[in-house]
PDB file of N, CA and C in Angstrom:
ATOM      1  N   MET A   1      79.965  98.325  99.793  1.00  0.00           N
ATOM      2  CA  MET A   1      81.440  98.261  99.884  1.00  0.00           C
ATOM      3  C   MET A   1      81.978  97.229  98.862  1.00  0.00           C
ATOM      4  N   PRO A   2      83.039  97.664  98.109  1.00  0.00           N
ATOM      5  CA  PRO A   2      83.501  96.777  97.129  1.00  0.00           C
ATOM      6  C   PRO A   2      84.106  95.598  97.750  1.00  0.00           C
ATOM      7  N   SER A   3      84.020  94.304  97.145  1.00  0.00           N
ATOM      8  CA  SER A   3      84.515  93.112  97.722  1.00  0.00           C
ATOM      9  C   SER A   3      85.805  92.658  97.100  1.00  0.00           C
ATOM     10  N   HIS A   4      86.117  93.138  95.916  1.00  0.00           N
ATOM     11  CA  HIS A   4      87.226  92.690  95.257  1.00  0.00           C
ATOM     12  C   HIS A   4      88.186  93.610  94.570  1.00  0.00           C
ATOM     13  N   SER A   5      87.809  94.937  94.799  1.00  0.00           N
ATOM     14  CA  SER A   5      88.565  95.990  94.145  1.00  0.00           C
ATOM     15  C   SER A   5      89.225  96.853  95.211  1.00  0.00           C
ATOM     16  N   SER A   6      90.144  97.747  94.765  1.00  0.00           N
ATOM     17  CA  SER A   6      90.824  98.533  95.800  1.00  0.00           C
ATOM     18  C   SER A   6      91.143  99.801  95.051  1.00  0.00           C
ATOM     19  N   LEU A   7      91.519 100.716  95.930  1.00  0.00           N
ATOM     20  CA  LEU A   7      92.021 102.095  95.409  1.00  0.00           C
ATOM     21  C   LEU A   7      93.361 102.032  95.022  1.00  0.00           C
ATOM     22  N   TYR A   8      94.180 101.075  95.380  1.00  0.00           N
ATOM     23  CA  TYR A   8      95.540 100.930  95.149  1.00  0.00           C
ATOM     24  C   TYR A   8      95.868  99.723  94.421  1.00  0.00           C
ATOM     25  N   PRO A   9      96.541  99.895  93.239  1.00  0.00           N
ATOM     26  CA  PRO A   9      96.912  98.695  92.488  1.00  0.00           C
ATOM     27  C   PRO A   9      97.743  97.624  93.251  1.00  0.00           C
ATOM     28  N   GLY A  10      97.407  96.385  93.158  1.00  0.00           N
ATOM     29  CA  GLY A  10      98.325  95.415  93.825  1.00  0.00           C
ATOM     30  C   GLY A  10      97.795  95.209  95.270  1.00  0.00           C
ATOM     31  N   ILE A  11      96.896  95.841  95.853  1.00  0.00           N
ATOM     32  CA  ILE A  11      96.489  95.633  97.099  1.00  0.00           C
ATOM     33  C   ILE A  11      94.934  95.360  97.050  1.00  0.00           C
ATOM     34  N   THR A  12      94.423  94.280  97.653  1.00  0.00           N
ATOM     35  CA  THR A  12      93.095  94.034  97.608  1.00  0.00           C
ATOM     36  C   THR A  12      92.382  94.652  98.804  1.00  0.00           C
ATOM     37  N   PHE A  13      91.103  94.797  98.614  1.00  0.00           N
ATOM     38  CA  PHE A  13      90.149  95.408  99.681  1.00  0.00           C
ATOM     39  C   PHE A  13      90.293  94.564 100.866  1.00  0.00           C
ATOM     40  N   GLU A  14      90.493  93.208 100.749  1.00  0.00           N
ATOM     41  CA  GLU A  14      90.462  92.307 101.945  1.00  0.00           C
ATOM     42  C   GLU A  14      91.750  92.505 102.752  1.00  0.00           C
ATOM     43  N   GLU A  15      92.903  92.844 101.958  1.00  0.00           N
ATOM     44  CA  GLU A  15      94.164  93.055 102.703  1.00  0.00           C
ATOM     45  C   GLU A  15      93.949  94.335 103.523  1.00  0.00           C
ATOM     46  N   ILE A  16      93.332  95.278 102.945  1.00  0.00           N
ATOM     47  CA  ILE A  16      93.216  96.618 103.758  1.00  0.00           C
ATOM     48  C   ILE A  16      92.393  96.477 104.938  1.00  0.00           C
ATOM     49  N   LEU A  17      91.264  95.587 104.823  1.00  0.00           N
ATOM     50  CA  LEU A  17      90.585  95.333 106.015  1.00  0.00           C
ATOM     51  C   LEU A  17      91.195  94.529 107.051  1.00  0.00           C
ATOM     52  N   GLY A  18      92.002  93.566 106.549  1.00  0.00           N
ATOM     53  CA  GLY A  18      92.608  92.648 107.569  1.00  0.00           C
ATOM     54  C   GLY A  18      93.868  93.448 108.207  1.00  0.00           C
ATOM     55  N   ASP A  19      94.455  94.353 107.530  1.00  0.00           N
ATOM     56  CA  ASP A  19      95.691  95.038 108.094  1.00  0.00           C
ATOM     57  C   ASP A  19      95.603  96.444 107.706  1.00  0.00           C
ATOM     58  N   PRO A  20      94.866  97.259 108.360  1.00  0.00           N
ATOM     59  CA  PRO A  20      94.657  98.632 107.879  1.00  0.00           C
ATOM     60  C   PRO A  20      96.037  99.424 107.759  1.00  0.00           C
ATOM     61  N   GLN A  21      96.973  99.156 108.506  1.00  0.00           N
ATOM     62  CA  GLN A  21      98.315  99.852 108.280  1.00  0.00           C
ATOM     63  C   GLN A  21      99.203  99.222 107.264  1.00  0.00           C
ATOM     64  N   LEU A  22      98.736  98.084 106.722  1.00  0.00           N
ATOM     65  CA  LEU A  22      99.406  97.315 105.674  1.00  0.00           C
ATOM     66  C   LEU A  22     100.950  96.986 106.070  1.00  0.00           C
ATOM     67  N   GLY A  23     101.053  96.669 107.407  1.00  0.00           N
ATOM     68  CA  GLY A  23     102.323  96.249 107.819  1.00  0.00           C
ATOM     69  C   GLY A  23     102.886  95.051 107.127  1.00  0.00           C
ATOM     70  N   SER A  24     102.091  93.992 106.948  1.00  0.00           N
ATOM     71  CA  SER A  24     102.550  92.694 106.312  1.00  0.00           C
ATOM     72  C   SER A  24     102.879  93.047 104.847  1.00  0.00           C
ATOM     73  N   LYS A  25     102.082  93.842 104.159  1.00  0.00           N
ATOM     74  CA  LYS A  25     102.394  94.192 102.680  1.00  0.00           C
ATOM     75  C   LYS A  25     103.624  94.964 102.570  1.00  0.00           C
ATOM     76  N   ARG A  26     103.847  95.840 103.453  1.00  0.00           N
ATOM     77  CA  ARG A  26     105.035  96.619 103.476  1.00  0.00           C
ATOM     78  C   ARG A  26     106.360  95.738 103.757  1.00  0.00           C
ATOM     79  N   ARG A  27     106.244  94.873 104.684  1.00  0.00           N
ATOM     80  CA  ARG A  27     107.230  93.860 104.994  1.00  0.00           C
ATOM     81  C   ARG A  27     107.559  92.976 103.746  1.00  0.00           C
ATOM     82  N   GLU A  28     106.581  92.551 103.165  1.00  0.00           N
ATOM     83  CA  GLU A  28     106.644  91.625 102.016  1.00  0.00           C
ATOM     84  C   GLU A  28     107.451  92.422 100.906  1.00  0.00           C
ATOM     85  N   LEU A  29     107.079  93.689 100.630  1.00  0.00           N
ATOM     86  CA  LEU A  29     107.700  94.525  99.595  1.00  0.00           C
ATOM     87  C   LEU A  29     109.222  94.754  99.923  1.00  0.00           C
ATOM     88  N   VAL A  30     109.418  95.085 101.176  1.00  0.00           N
ATOM     89  CA  VAL A  30     110.826  95.360 101.636  1.00  0.00           C
ATOM     90  C   VAL A  30     111.740  94.187 101.416  1.00  0.00           C
ATOM     91  N   ILE A  31     111.224  92.990 101.788  1.00  0.00           N
ATOM     92  CA  ILE A  31     111.999  91.755 101.652  1.00  0.00           C
ATOM     93  C   ILE A  31     112.210  91.358 100.268  1.00  0.00           C
ATOM     94  N   SER A  32     111.198  91.530  99.380  1.00  0.00           N
ATOM     95  CA  SER A  32     111.376  91.179  97.929  1.00  0.00           C
ATOM     96  C   SER A  32     112.366  92.162  97.376  1.00  0.00           C
ATOM     97  N   LYS A  33     112.334  93.350  97.630  1.00  0.00           N
ATOM     98  CA  LYS A  33     113.306  94.260  97.043  1.00  0.00           C
ATOM     99  C   LYS A  33     114.717  94.151  97.645  1.00  0.00           C
ATOM    100  N   ALA A  34     114.759  93.785  98.887  1.00  0.00           N
ATOM    101  CA  ALA A  34     116.135  93.443  99.517  1.00  0.00           C
ATOM    102  C   ALA A  34     116.739  92.258  98.833  1.00  0.00           C
ATOM    103  N   ALA A  35     115.833  91.275  98.520  1.00  0.00           N
ATOM    104  CA  ALA A  35     116.381  90.045  97.805  1.00  0.00           C
ATOM    105  C   ALA A  35     116.899  90.431  96.477  1.00  0.00           C
ATOM    106  N   GLU A  36     116.219  91.305  95.728  1.00  0.00           N
ATOM    107  CA  GLU A  36     116.733  91.763  94.319  1.00  0.00           C
ATOM    108  C   GLU A  36     118.003  92.448  94.587  1.00  0.00           C
ATOM    109  N   LEU A  37     118.162  93.264  95.566  1.00  0.00           N
ATOM    110  CA  LEU A  37     119.495  94.057  95.782  1.00  0.00           C
ATOM    111  C   LEU A  37     120.570  93.040  96.107  1.00  0.00           C
ATOM    112  N   ALA A  38     120.266  92.111  96.858  1.00  0.00           N
ATOM    113  CA  ALA A  38     121.222  90.989  97.199  1.00  0.00           C
ATOM    114  C   ALA A  38     121.650  90.237  96.033  1.00  0.00           C
ATOM    115  N   ALA A  39     120.753  89.918  95.159  1.00  0.00           N
ATOM    116  CA  ALA A  39     121.045  89.295  93.960  1.00  0.00           C
ATOM    117  C   ALA A  39     121.974  90.040  93.081  1.00  0.00           C
ATOM    118  N   ALA A  40     121.868  91.322  93.041  1.00  0.00           N
ATOM    119  CA  ALA A  40     122.650  92.226  92.277  1.00  0.00           C
ATOM    120  C   ALA A  40     123.902  92.579  93.014  1.00  0.00           C
ATOM    121  N   LYS A  41     124.169  91.920  94.239  1.00  0.00           N
ATOM    122  CA  LYS A  41     125.325  92.164  94.971  1.00  0.00           C
ATOM    123  C   LYS A  41     125.523  93.642  95.562  1.00  0.00           C
ATOM    124  N   MET A  42     124.499  94.363  95.654  1.00  0.00           N
ATOM    125  CA  MET A  42     124.481  95.681  96.202  1.00  0.00           C
ATOM    126  C   MET A  42     124.372  95.784  97.649  1.00  0.00           C
ATOM    127  N   ILE A  43     123.680  94.685  98.321  1.00  0.00           N
ATOM    128  CA  ILE A  43     123.620  94.660  99.790  1.00  0.00           C
ATOM    129  C   ILE A  43     123.811  93.100 100.129  1.00  0.00           C
ATOM    130  N   ILE A  44     124.089  92.867 101.355  1.00  0.00           N
ATOM    131  CA  ILE A  44     124.265  91.592 101.976  1.00  0.00           C
ATOM    132  C   ILE A  44     122.864  91.508 102.866  1.00  0.00           C
ATOM    133  N   PHE A  45     122.006  90.519 102.476  1.00  0.00           N
ATOM    134  CA  PHE A  45     120.769  90.462 103.259  1.00  0.00           C
ATOM    135  C   PHE A  45     120.800  89.166 104.125  1.00  0.00           C
ATOM    136  N   ASP A  46     120.554  89.481 105.521  1.00  0.00           N
ATOM    137  CA  ASP A  46     120.530  88.459 106.395  1.00  0.00           C
ATOM    138  C   ASP A  46     119.044  88.089 106.727  1.00  0.00           C
ATOM    139  N   ARG A  47     118.511  86.981 106.128  1.00  0.00           N
ATOM    140  CA  ARG A  47     117.124  86.720 106.314  1.00  0.00           C
ATOM    141  C   ARG A  47     116.664  86.364 107.661  1.00  0.00           C
ATOM    142  N   ASP A  48     117.634  85.691 108.429  1.00  0.00           N
ATOM    143  CA  ASP A  48     117.388  85.304 109.764  1.00  0.00           C
ATOM    144  C   ASP A  48     117.135  86.530 110.722  1.00  0.00           C
ATOM    145  N   ARG A  49     117.808  87.558 110.563  1.00  0.00           N
ATOM    146  CA  ARG A  49     117.659  88.758 111.391  1.00  0.00           C
ATOM    147  C   ARG A  49     117.008  89.862 110.712  1.00  0.00           C
ATOM    148  N   ASP A  50     116.499  89.651 109.397  1.00  0.00           N
ATOM    149  CA  ASP A  50     115.841  90.724 108.659  1.00  0.00           C
ATOM    150  C   ASP A  50     116.719  91.982 108.689  1.00  0.00           C
ATOM    151  N   ALA A  51     118.014  91.790 108.350  1.00  0.00           N
ATOM    152  CA  ALA A  51     118.909  92.960 108.427  1.00  0.00           C
ATOM    153  C   ALA A  51     119.800  92.912 107.148  1.00  0.00           C
ATOM    154  N   PHE A  52     120.128  94.107 106.665  1.00  0.00           N
ATOM    155  CA  PHE A  52     120.939  94.125 105.621  1.00  0.00           C
ATOM    156  C   PHE A  52     122.053  95.108 105.627  1.00  0.00           C
ATOM    157  N   GLN A  53     123.164  94.984 104.898  1.00  0.00           N
ATOM    158  CA  GLN A  53     124.381  95.666 104.998  1.00  0.00           C
ATOM    159  C   GLN A  53     124.764  96.033 103.509  1.00  0.00           C
ATOM    160  N   ILE A  54     125.035  97.305 103.320  1.00  0.00           N
ATOM    161  CA  ILE A  54     125.499  97.839 101.940  1.00  0.00           C
ATOM    162  C   ILE A  54     126.940  97.251 101.689  1.00  0.00           C
ATOM    163  N   THR A  55     127.054  96.978 100.366  1.00  0.00           N
ATOM    164  CA  THR A  55     128.421  96.507  99.818  1.00  0.00           C
ATOM    165  C   THR A  55     129.130  97.685  99.222  1.00  0.00           C
ATOM    166  N   ASP A  56     130.382  97.546  98.784  1.00  0.00           N
ATOM    167  CA  ASP A  56     131.063  98.603  98.153  1.00  0.00           C
ATOM    168  C   ASP A  56     130.298  98.918  96.843  1.00  0.00           C
ATOM    169  N   LEU A  57     129.839  97.891  96.134  1.00  0.00           N
ATOM    170  CA  LEU A  57     129.172  98.044  94.813  1.00  0.00           C
ATOM    171  C   LEU A  57     127.839  98.802  95.056  1.00  0.00           C
ATOM    172  N   GLY A  58     127.192  98.632  96.226  1.00  0.00           N
ATOM    173  CA  GLY A  58     126.046  99.329  96.593  1.00  0.00           C
ATOM    174  C   GLY A  58     126.323 100.784  96.847  1.00  0.00           C
ATOM    175  N   ARG A  59     127.460 101.042  97.430  1.00  0.00           N
ATOM    176  CA  ARG A  59     127.860 102.488  97.750  1.00  0.00           C
ATOM    177  C   ARG A  59     128.072 103.175  96.461  1.00  0.00           C
ATOM    178  N   ILE A  60     128.759 102.469  95.462  1.00  0.00           N
ATOM    179  CA  ILE A  60     129.118 103.287  94.279  1.00  0.00           C
ATOM    180  C   ILE A  60     127.847 103.483  93.439  1.00  0.00           C
ATOM    181  N   ALA A  61     126.905 102.427  93.447  1.00  0.00           N
ATOM    182  CA  ALA A  61     125.683 102.519  92.685  1.00  0.00           C
ATOM    183  C   ALA A  61     124.807 103.699  93.326  1.00  0.00           C
ATOM    184  N   ALA A  62     124.884 103.786  94.674  1.00  0.00           N
ATOM    185  CA  ALA A  62     124.004 104.839  95.319  1.00  0.00           C
ATOM    186  C   ALA A  62     124.490 106.230  95.012  1.00  0.00           C
ATOM    187  N   LYS A  63     125.946 106.304  94.915  1.00  0.00           N
ATOM    188  CA  LYS A  63     126.580 107.631  94.707  1.00  0.00           C
ATOM    189  C   LYS A  63     126.261 108.093  93.248  1.00  0.00           C
ATOM    190  N   TYR A  64     126.355 107.253  92.319  1.00  0.00           N
ATOM    191  CA  TYR A  64     126.151 107.510  90.920  1.00  0.00           C
ATOM    192  C   TYR A  64     124.741 107.226  90.378  1.00  0.00           C
ATOM    193  N   TYR A  65     123.778 106.834  91.211  1.00  0.00           N
ATOM    194  CA  TYR A  65     122.435 106.502  90.891  1.00  0.00           C
ATOM    195  C   TYR A  65     122.286 105.465  89.813  1.00  0.00           C
ATOM    196  N   ILE A  66     123.150 104.435  89.903  1.00  0.00           N
ATOM    197  CA  ILE A  66     123.041 103.373  88.890  1.00  0.00           C
ATOM    198  C   ILE A  66     121.886 102.495  89.306  1.00  0.00           C
ATOM    199  N   ARG A  67     121.200 102.083  88.202  1.00  0.00           N
ATOM    200  CA  ARG A  67     120.001 101.295  88.473  1.00  0.00           C
ATOM    201  C   ARG A  67     120.474  99.757  88.137  1.00  0.00           C
ATOM    202  N   THR A  68     119.650  98.800  88.596  1.00  0.00           N
ATOM    203  CA  THR A  68     119.993  97.474  88.499  1.00  0.00           C
ATOM    204  C   THR A  68     119.432  97.035  87.154  1.00  0.00           C
ATOM    205  N   GLN A  69     118.458  97.613  86.614  1.00  0.00           N
ATOM    206  CA  GLN A  69     117.872  97.177  85.265  1.00  0.00           C
ATOM    207  C   GLN A  69     118.099  98.155  84.174  1.00  0.00           C
TER     208      GLN A  69
END
C-alpha cells in the first residue's frame, strides 16, 4: 500500500484512510472558497454559523457567469 501518494492530487493517502468520505477535506474546501467569494463581495459569509448569503453583486455575477479572476 502506498504511504505517501494518492490517486487524487492534493489529497494524501493518510487523509483517505483517516476520513474515507473526506468530510473534513470537503468542509475545508467549501470554507476556503466561501472566504474567497466573501472577499470578492459576492456573498456574506458567517463563520460562526457556517452560513452564507448571496449579495446583489453575487446574483449579477451568477447570472452573467462573471469570474472573480
